Amino acid sequence: MAELKFEITKELGVLSENAKGWTKELNMVSWNEREPKYDLREWNPDHTRMGKGITLLEEEIEMLRKILNGEEIEDDIDEDAFV
């Protein structure tokens, strides 16, 4: 199996961190020396190991932004249950 090469070219933001210190991040990542793409996945603290994730092209990230901007995000709390 060929070695997977990657380089985080730009760290865009951390969404969350779990108890073991792994962080879910949005970054620009170059895979196998190709043009960097938007990448969303979990990373260990020193970025030597990663979890499963997704990569998005510029057009896909713009579509995702439009979808999220147009969607009202609601919480899942039933306020009537706290009377």
C-alpha atoms as a PDB file:
ATOM      1  CA  MET A   1       0.000   0.000   0.000  1.00  0.00           C
ATOM      2  CA  ALA A   2       1.336   3.437  -0.932  1.00  0.00           C
ATOM      3  CA  GLU A   3       2.219   5.882   1.804  1.00  0.00           C
ATOM      4  CA  LEU A   4      -0.316   8.658   2.326  1.00  0.00           C
ATOM      5  CA  LYS A   5       1.328  12.075   2.310  1.00  0.00           C
ATOM      6  CA  PHE A   6      -0.428  15.093   3.769  1.00  0.00           C
ATOM      7  CA  GLU A   7       0.367  18.622   4.817  1.00  0.00           C
ATOM      8  CA  ILE A   8      -1.912  20.951   6.739  1.00  0.00           C
ATOM      9  CA  THR A   9      -1.324  24.171   4.815  1.00  0.00           C
ATOM     10  CA  LYS A  10      -3.716  26.333   6.838  1.00  0.00           C
ATOM     11  CA  GLU A  11      -5.518  25.768  10.145  1.00  0.00           C
ATOM     12  CA  LEU A  12      -8.961  27.353   9.871  1.00  0.00           C
ATOM     13  CA  GLY A  13     -10.548  26.408  13.187  1.00  0.00           C
ATOM     14  CA  VAL A  14     -11.278  23.864  15.905  1.00  0.00           C
ATOM     15  CA  LEU A  15     -14.905  22.785  16.313  1.00  0.00           C
ATOM     16  CA  SER A  16     -14.523  20.611  19.417  1.00  0.00           C
ATOM     17  CA  GLU A  17     -12.133  18.580  21.574  1.00  0.00           C
ATOM     18  CA  ASN A  18     -12.753  15.163  23.125  1.00  0.00           C
ATOM     19  CA  ALA A  19     -11.543  13.796  26.477  1.00  0.00           C
ATOM     20  CA  LYS A  20      -8.427  12.258  24.883  1.00  0.00           C
ATOM     21  CA  GLY A  21      -7.332  15.582  23.401  1.00  0.00           C
ATOM     22  CA  TRP A  22      -8.314  14.850  19.794  1.00  0.00           C
ATOM     23  CA  THR A  23      -9.790  17.870  18.046  1.00  0.00           C
ATOM     24  CA  LYS A  24     -12.334  18.101  15.245  1.00  0.00           C
ATOM     25  CA  GLU A  25     -10.895  20.697  12.873  1.00  0.00           C
ATOM     26  CA  LEU A  26     -11.519  22.483   9.610  1.00  0.00           C
ATOM     27  CA  ASN A  27      -8.213  22.901   7.765  1.00  0.00           C
ATOM     28  CA  MET A  28      -6.759  23.282   4.309  1.00  0.00           C
ATOM     29  CA  VAL A  29      -4.898  20.036   3.599  1.00  0.00           C
ATOM     30  CA  SER A  30      -2.718  19.004   0.682  1.00  0.00           C
ATOM     31  CA  TRP A  31      -3.052  15.248   0.072  1.00  0.00           C
ATOM     32  CA  ASN A  32      -0.208  13.519  -1.810  1.00  0.00           C
ATOM     33  CA  GLU A  33       1.291  16.869  -2.827  1.00  0.00           C
ATOM     34  CA  ARG A  34      -1.888  17.993  -4.616  1.00  0.00           C
ATOM     35  CA  GLU A  35      -3.687  21.323  -4.386  1.00  0.00           C
ATOM     36  CA  PRO A  36      -5.006  21.895  -0.831  1.00  0.00           C
ATOM     37  CA  LYS A  37      -8.699  21.265  -0.172  1.00  0.00           C
ATOM     38  CA  TYR A  38     -10.982  22.062   2.726  1.00  0.00           C
ATOM     39  CA  ASP A  39     -10.812  19.169   5.148  1.00  0.00           C
ATOM     40  CA  LEU A  40     -12.996  18.339   8.171  1.00  0.00           C
ATOM     41  CA  ARG A  41     -11.814  15.535  10.495  1.00  0.00           C
ATOM     42  CA  GLU A  42     -10.459  14.661  13.933  1.00  0.00           C
ATOM     43  CA  TRP A  43      -6.738  14.948  14.658  1.00  0.00           C
ATOM     44  CA  ASN A  44      -4.589  13.830  17.568  1.00  0.00           C
ATOM     45  CA  PRO A  45      -2.824  16.620  19.487  1.00  0.00           C
ATOM     46  CA  ASP A  46       0.381  16.572  17.382  1.00  0.00           C
ATOM     47  CA  HIS A  47      -1.400  16.041  14.017  1.00  0.00           C
ATOM     48  CA  THR A  48       0.398  12.750  13.310  1.00  0.00           C
ATOM     49  CA  ARG A  49      -2.798  10.646  13.370  1.00  0.00           C
ATOM     50  CA  MET A  50      -6.246  11.389  12.028  1.00  0.00           C
ATOM     51  CA  GLY A  51      -9.763  10.031  12.018  1.00  0.00           C
ATOM     52  CA  LYS A  52     -12.108   9.639   9.091  1.00  0.00           C
ATOM     53  CA  GLY A  53     -13.204  12.868   7.526  1.00  0.00           C
ATOM     54  CA  ILE A  54     -14.308  14.624   4.389  1.00  0.00           C
ATOM     55  CA  THR A  55     -12.611  16.906   1.904  1.00  0.00           C
ATOM     56  CA  LEU A  56     -14.478  19.656   0.104  1.00  0.00           C
ATOM     57  CA  LEU A  57     -13.720  21.700  -2.981  1.00  0.00           C
ATOM     58  CA  GLU A  58     -14.080  25.498  -2.894  1.00  0.00           C
ATOM     59  CA  GLU A  59     -17.458  25.218  -4.663  1.00  0.00           C
ATOM     60  CA  GLU A  60     -18.689  22.647  -2.137  1.00  0.00           C
ATOM     61  CA  ILE A  61     -17.678  24.740   0.871  1.00  0.00           C
ATOM     62  CA  GLU A  62     -19.509  27.733  -0.652  1.00  0.00           C
ATOM     63  CA  MET A  63     -22.642  25.619  -1.122  1.00  0.00           C
ATOM     64  CA  LEU A  64     -22.363  24.358   2.471  1.00  0.00           C
ATOM     65  CA  ARG A  65     -22.052  27.958   3.677  1.00  0.00           C
ATOM     66  CA  LYS A  66     -25.193  28.940   1.742  1.00  0.00           C
ATOM     67  CA  ILE A  67     -27.085  25.980   3.168  1.00  0.00           C
ATOM     68  CA  LEU A  68     -26.040  26.763   6.742  1.00  0.00           C
ATOM     69  CA  ASN A  69     -26.689  30.500   6.389  1.00  0.00           C
ATOM     70  CA  GLY A  70     -30.208  29.785   5.165  1.00  0.00           C
ATOM     71  CA  GLU A  71     -31.008  27.253   7.865  1.00  0.00           C
ATOM     72  CA  GLU A  72     -32.195  28.237  11.304  1.00  0.00           C
ATOM     73  CA  ILE A  73     -30.366  25.927  13.677  1.00  0.00           C
ATOM     74  CA  GLU A  74     -32.594  24.887  16.557  1.00  0.00           C
ATOM     75  CA  ASP A  75     -31.658  23.235  19.805  1.00  0.00           C
ATOM     76  CA  ASP A  76     -33.179  19.897  20.775  1.00  0.00           C
ATOM     77  CA  ILE A  77     -34.391  21.004  24.211  1.00  0.00           C
ATOM     78  CA  ASP A  78     -38.101  20.687  24.886  1.00  0.00           C
ATOM     79  CA  GLU A  79     -38.707  23.803  26.980  1.00  0.00           C
ATOM     80  CA  ASP A  80     -42.174  22.563  28.023  1.00  0.00           C
ATOM     81  CA  ALA A  81     -40.503  19.697  29.892  1.00  0.00           C
ATOM     82  CA  PHE A  82     -38.927  22.181  32.331  1.00  0.00           C
ATOM     83  CA  VAL A  83     -42.175  23.653  33.757  1.00  0.00           C
END
